[in-house]
Protein backbone atom coordinates (compact mmCIF):
# COMPACT_ATOMS: atom_id res chain seq x y z
CA UNK A 1 55.92 133.74 126.20
CA UNK A 2 55.69 131.91 129.53
CA UNK A 3 57.09 128.50 130.40
CA UNK A 4 53.61 127.01 130.13
CA UNK A 5 53.05 128.55 126.70
CA UNK A 6 56.38 127.16 125.47
CA UNK A 7 55.46 123.68 126.74
CA UNK A 8 52.13 123.88 124.91
CA UNK A 9 53.79 125.13 121.71
CA UNK A 10 56.46 122.43 121.73
CA UNK A 11 53.85 119.75 122.47
CA UNK A 12 51.66 120.82 119.56
CA UNK A 13 54.63 121.03 117.19
CA UNK A 14 55.49 117.46 118.19
CA UNK A 15 51.93 116.39 117.35
CA UNK A 16 51.07 115.23 120.85
CA UNK A 17 47.95 115.76 122.91
CA UNK A 18 48.15 116.64 126.60
CA UNK A 19 47.15 113.08 127.44
CA UNK A 20 49.80 111.58 125.14
CA UNK A 21 52.54 113.76 126.61
CA UNK A 22 51.37 112.88 130.11
CA UNK A 23 51.50 109.16 129.30
CA UNK A 24 55.08 109.47 128.05
CA UNK A 25 56.11 111.37 131.18
CA UNK A 26 54.14 109.19 133.58
CA UNK A 27 51.86 112.02 134.76
CA UNK A 28 48.17 112.81 134.29
CA UNK A 29 46.66 114.99 131.57
CA UNK A 30 45.59 117.37 134.32
CA UNK A 31 49.22 117.83 135.41
CA UNK A 32 50.23 118.76 131.85
CA UNK A 33 47.28 121.14 131.64
CA UNK A 34 48.36 122.90 134.85
CA UNK A 35 51.90 123.28 133.50
CA UNK A 36 50.66 124.80 130.26
CA UNK A 37 48.35 127.21 132.08
CA UNK A 38 51.19 128.20 134.44
CA UNK A 39 49.28 127.03 137.51
CA UNK A 40 52.23 124.83 138.50
CA UNK A 41 55.77 124.29 137.25
CA UNK A 42 57.14 120.87 136.28
CA UNK A 43 60.01 119.35 138.24
CA UNK A 44 63.47 119.53 136.66
CA UNK A 45 63.37 115.80 135.88
CA UNK A 46 60.18 116.30 133.82
CA UNK A 47 61.68 119.31 132.04
CA UNK A 48 64.64 117.18 130.94
CA UNK A 49 62.31 114.45 129.68
CA UNK A 50 60.16 116.96 127.79
CA UNK A 51 63.22 118.43 126.06
CA UNK A 52 64.12 114.97 124.79
CA UNK A 53 60.57 114.01 123.82
CA UNK A 54 59.73 117.30 122.11
CA UNK A 55 63.14 117.90 120.52
CA UNK A 56 63.76 121.33 122.05
CA UNK A 57 66.64 122.68 124.10
CA UNK A 58 66.41 123.35 127.82
CA UNK A 59 67.57 126.95 127.16
CA UNK A 60 64.52 127.60 125.03
CA UNK A 61 62.02 125.73 127.19
CA UNK A 62 63.15 127.30 130.48
CA UNK A 63 64.47 130.70 129.39
CA UNK A 64 62.69 131.36 126.12
CA UNK A 65 65.85 132.06 124.14
CA UNK A 66 64.49 132.30 120.60
CA UNK A 67 67.75 131.25 118.94
CA UNK A 68 67.63 127.98 120.86
CA UNK A 69 64.21 127.03 119.46
CA UNK A 70 65.45 126.75 115.89
CA UNK A 71 68.77 125.13 116.84
CA UNK A 72 69.23 121.42 116.37
CA UNK A 73 68.47 119.44 119.53
CA UNK A 74 71.40 118.43 121.68
CA UNK A 75 72.61 114.88 121.11
CA UNK A 76 74.75 112.39 122.98
CA UNK A 77 78.26 112.29 121.45
CA UNK A 78 78.18 108.52 121.80
CA UNK A 79 74.85 107.13 120.57
CA UNK A 80 73.45 110.40 119.09
CA UNK A 81 70.23 110.15 121.12
CA UNK A 82 68.48 113.47 121.85
CA UNK A 83 69.48 114.75 125.29
CA UNK A 84 68.72 117.76 127.44
CA UNK A 85 71.16 120.31 128.78
CA UNK A 86 69.91 119.25 132.21
CA UNK A 87 71.03 115.64 131.75
CA UNK A 88 74.10 114.40 133.60
CA UNK A 89 74.07 111.13 131.62
CA UNK A 90 72.67 110.05 128.28
CA UNK A 91 69.27 108.44 129.02
CA UNK A 92 69.88 105.96 126.21
CA UNK A 93 73.46 104.68 126.66
CA UNK A 94 74.42 106.02 130.11
CA UNK A 95 77.42 108.02 128.85
CA UNK A 96 78.52 110.99 130.95
CA UNK A 97 77.58 114.27 129.24
CA UNK A 98 79.84 116.50 131.31
CA UNK A 99 82.92 116.04 129.12
CA UNK A 100 85.50 115.50 131.87
CA UNK A 101 87.08 112.11 132.32
CA UNK A 102 85.64 110.43 135.40
CA UNK A 103 87.86 110.19 138.46
CA UNK A 104 86.11 106.99 139.37
CA UNK A 105 82.79 105.22 139.57
CA UNK A 106 79.76 105.31 141.84
CA UNK A 107 77.59 102.42 143.03
CA UNK A 108 73.95 103.04 143.90
CA UNK A 109 71.48 100.77 145.68
CA UNK A 110 68.13 101.17 143.94
CA UNK A 111 66.15 98.22 145.37
CA UNK A 112 62.96 98.79 147.29
CA UNK A 113 60.12 96.65 148.62
CA UNK A 114 60.11 93.35 146.69
CA UNK A 115 63.89 93.36 146.31
CA UNK A 116 64.64 94.12 149.96
CA UNK A 117 65.83 90.69 151.08
CA UNK A 118 67.83 90.14 147.89
CA UNK A 119 69.56 93.50 148.17
CA UNK A 120 70.33 92.95 151.85
CA UNK A 121 72.22 89.74 151.07
CA UNK A 122 74.28 91.50 148.42
CA UNK A 123 75.07 94.38 150.78
CA UNK A 124 76.70 91.88 153.14
CA UNK A 125 78.69 90.42 150.25
CA UNK A 126 79.89 93.88 149.19
CA UNK A 127 80.91 94.80 152.73
CA UNK A 128 83.22 91.77 152.88
CA UNK A 129 85.11 92.58 149.67
CA UNK A 130 87.35 95.17 151.32
CA UNK A 131 86.63 97.60 148.49
CA UNK A 132 84.90 100.17 150.68
CA UNK A 133 86.90 102.01 153.34
CA UNK A 134 84.06 104.31 154.41
CA UNK A 135 80.54 103.65 155.74
CA UNK A 136 78.11 102.20 154.99
CA UNK A 137 80.05 99.25 153.51
CA UNK A 138 83.35 99.55 155.39
CA UNK A 139 83.06 96.14 157.06
CA UNK A 140 81.00 97.28 160.05
CA UNK A 141 77.72 96.48 158.33
CA UNK A 142 75.24 94.50 160.45
CA UNK A 143 71.68 93.34 159.84
CA UNK A 144 70.09 96.52 161.23
CA UNK A 145 72.30 98.84 159.15
CA UNK A 146 71.67 96.75 156.04
CA UNK A 147 67.93 96.98 156.61
CA UNK A 148 68.17 100.75 157.10
CA UNK A 149 70.04 101.08 153.80
CA UNK A 150 67.44 99.06 151.94
CA UNK A 151 64.59 101.01 153.54
CA UNK A 152 66.14 104.34 152.52
CA UNK A 153 66.92 103.30 148.92
CA UNK A 154 67.87 104.70 146.51
CA UNK A 155 71.14 105.45 148.29
CA UNK A 156 74.72 105.99 147.13
CA UNK A 157 76.92 103.24 148.59
CA UNK A 158 80.31 104.48 147.45
CA UNK A 159 82.16 106.72 145.01
CA UNK A 160 85.65 106.93 143.56
CA UNK A 161 85.86 103.24 142.70
CA UNK A 162 88.35 102.29 139.99
CA UNK A 163 87.52 99.89 137.16
CA UNK A 164 88.88 96.84 138.93
CA UNK A 165 86.90 97.63 142.10
CA UNK A 166 83.73 98.08 140.05
CA UNK A 167 84.29 94.72 138.40
CA UNK A 168 85.00 93.04 141.75
CA UNK A 169 81.84 94.53 143.25
CA UNK A 170 79.79 93.41 140.26
CA UNK A 171 81.27 89.93 140.48
CA UNK A 172 79.96 89.28 144.03
CA UNK A 173 76.41 90.46 143.33
CA UNK A 174 73.82 87.72 143.10
CA UNK A 175 71.06 90.22 142.25
CA UNK A 176 72.74 92.97 140.17
CA UNK A 177 69.37 94.38 139.10
CA UNK A 178 69.17 95.94 142.59
CA UNK A 179 72.23 98.12 141.88
CA UNK A 180 73.41 100.76 139.40
CA UNK A 181 76.96 101.79 138.49
CA UNK A 182 77.83 105.27 137.16
CA UNK A 183 80.79 107.38 136.23
CA UNK A 184 81.41 109.78 139.13
CA UNK A 185 79.43 112.98 138.63
CA UNK A 186 78.62 116.25 140.34
CA UNK A 187 75.07 114.97 140.72
CA UNK A 188 74.68 113.50 144.22
CA UNK A 189 70.91 113.22 144.62
CA UNK A 190 70.17 109.45 144.69
CA UNK A 191 66.59 110.03 143.53
CA UNK A 192 67.83 111.70 140.34
CA UNK A 193 70.66 109.20 139.79
CA UNK A 194 68.18 106.33 140.05
CA UNK A 195 66.36 107.69 136.98
CA UNK A 196 69.41 107.27 134.74
CA UNK A 197 70.66 104.06 133.13
CA UNK A 198 73.84 102.79 134.69
CA UNK A 199 76.88 101.47 132.89
CA UNK A 200 77.47 97.76 132.40
CA UNK A 201 80.52 96.87 134.54
CA UNK A 202 81.28 94.03 132.13
CA UNK A 203 81.96 96.63 129.45
CA UNK A 204 84.90 98.05 131.42
CA UNK A 205 88.05 96.61 129.88
CA UNK A 206 90.44 95.51 132.58
CA UNK A 207 94.12 95.21 131.77
CA UNK A 208 95.37 91.80 132.92
CA UNK A 209 97.83 92.14 135.74
CA UNK A 210 101.30 90.63 135.33
CA UNK A 211 101.30 88.02 138.06
CA UNK A 212 104.73 86.84 139.30
CA UNK A 213 105.63 83.24 138.49
CA UNK A 214 104.98 80.80 141.30
CA UNK A 215 107.63 78.28 142.44
CA UNK A 216 105.80 75.48 140.61
CA UNK A 217 105.67 77.46 137.39
CA UNK A 218 109.39 78.23 137.70
CA UNK A 219 110.24 74.52 138.14
CA UNK A 220 108.14 73.59 135.10
CA UNK A 221 109.87 76.26 133.03
CA UNK A 222 113.31 74.93 134.04
CA UNK A 223 112.32 71.32 133.23
CA UNK A 224 110.92 72.38 129.86
CA UNK A 225 114.17 74.21 129.14
CA UNK A 226 116.27 71.15 130.01
CA UNK A 227 114.13 68.85 127.84
CA UNK A 228 114.39 71.30 124.97
CA UNK A 229 118.16 71.45 125.34
CA UNK A 230 118.46 67.62 125.38
CA UNK A 231 116.34 67.31 122.23
CA UNK A 232 118.42 69.97 120.51
CA UNK A 233 121.71 68.25 121.44
CA UNK A 234 120.44 64.89 120.12
CA UNK A 235 120.32 66.37 116.63
CA UNK A 236 123.88 67.65 116.77
């Protein structure tokens, strides 16, 4: 059985027409027809979407492993949504599906066209935070470089950020819809990353830092101690 025949079989078992599957994938009926007749092969991104939509594993769809067809579809360990073996992140909740704890976080600029001017302003804000030690946001950002970044979006702006840096970056954004945050991953293609849901930086729990007492706070503590001692002595 060819790849096209497996796509057709899975589509029919899911009760979808070629047009319905195309609508869900954002392609034409003719494109689906060419896949099923083995005239062309779908891109990897479409294969991952089909696995989720049709409830089949990527092993079966791509390789034809018969045991994989009858196996239960893969699911996200977090939200239990159906995922594909090709997915780096859960398409529903954004959780990393690679199992390893992230070493850090990635920020991606996804704005294009209508969001250009908004994203450009936020790029300048990010470059002034001191979070980024490497280009393009290492403090040397000027108008021309900012415009080039926006024109080439989606583009990865930085990786290896810790939770506090992610939260600081999020805090300065006036137009956060132009950006996505991810757990660091082996996937580096911005076009593919832009298709996944990012994480909500507000969901990252930051441990409050123990700030040293200022001189004023120390004086107030001493005064409060003296007043408490006087009150205590008055009862003796």
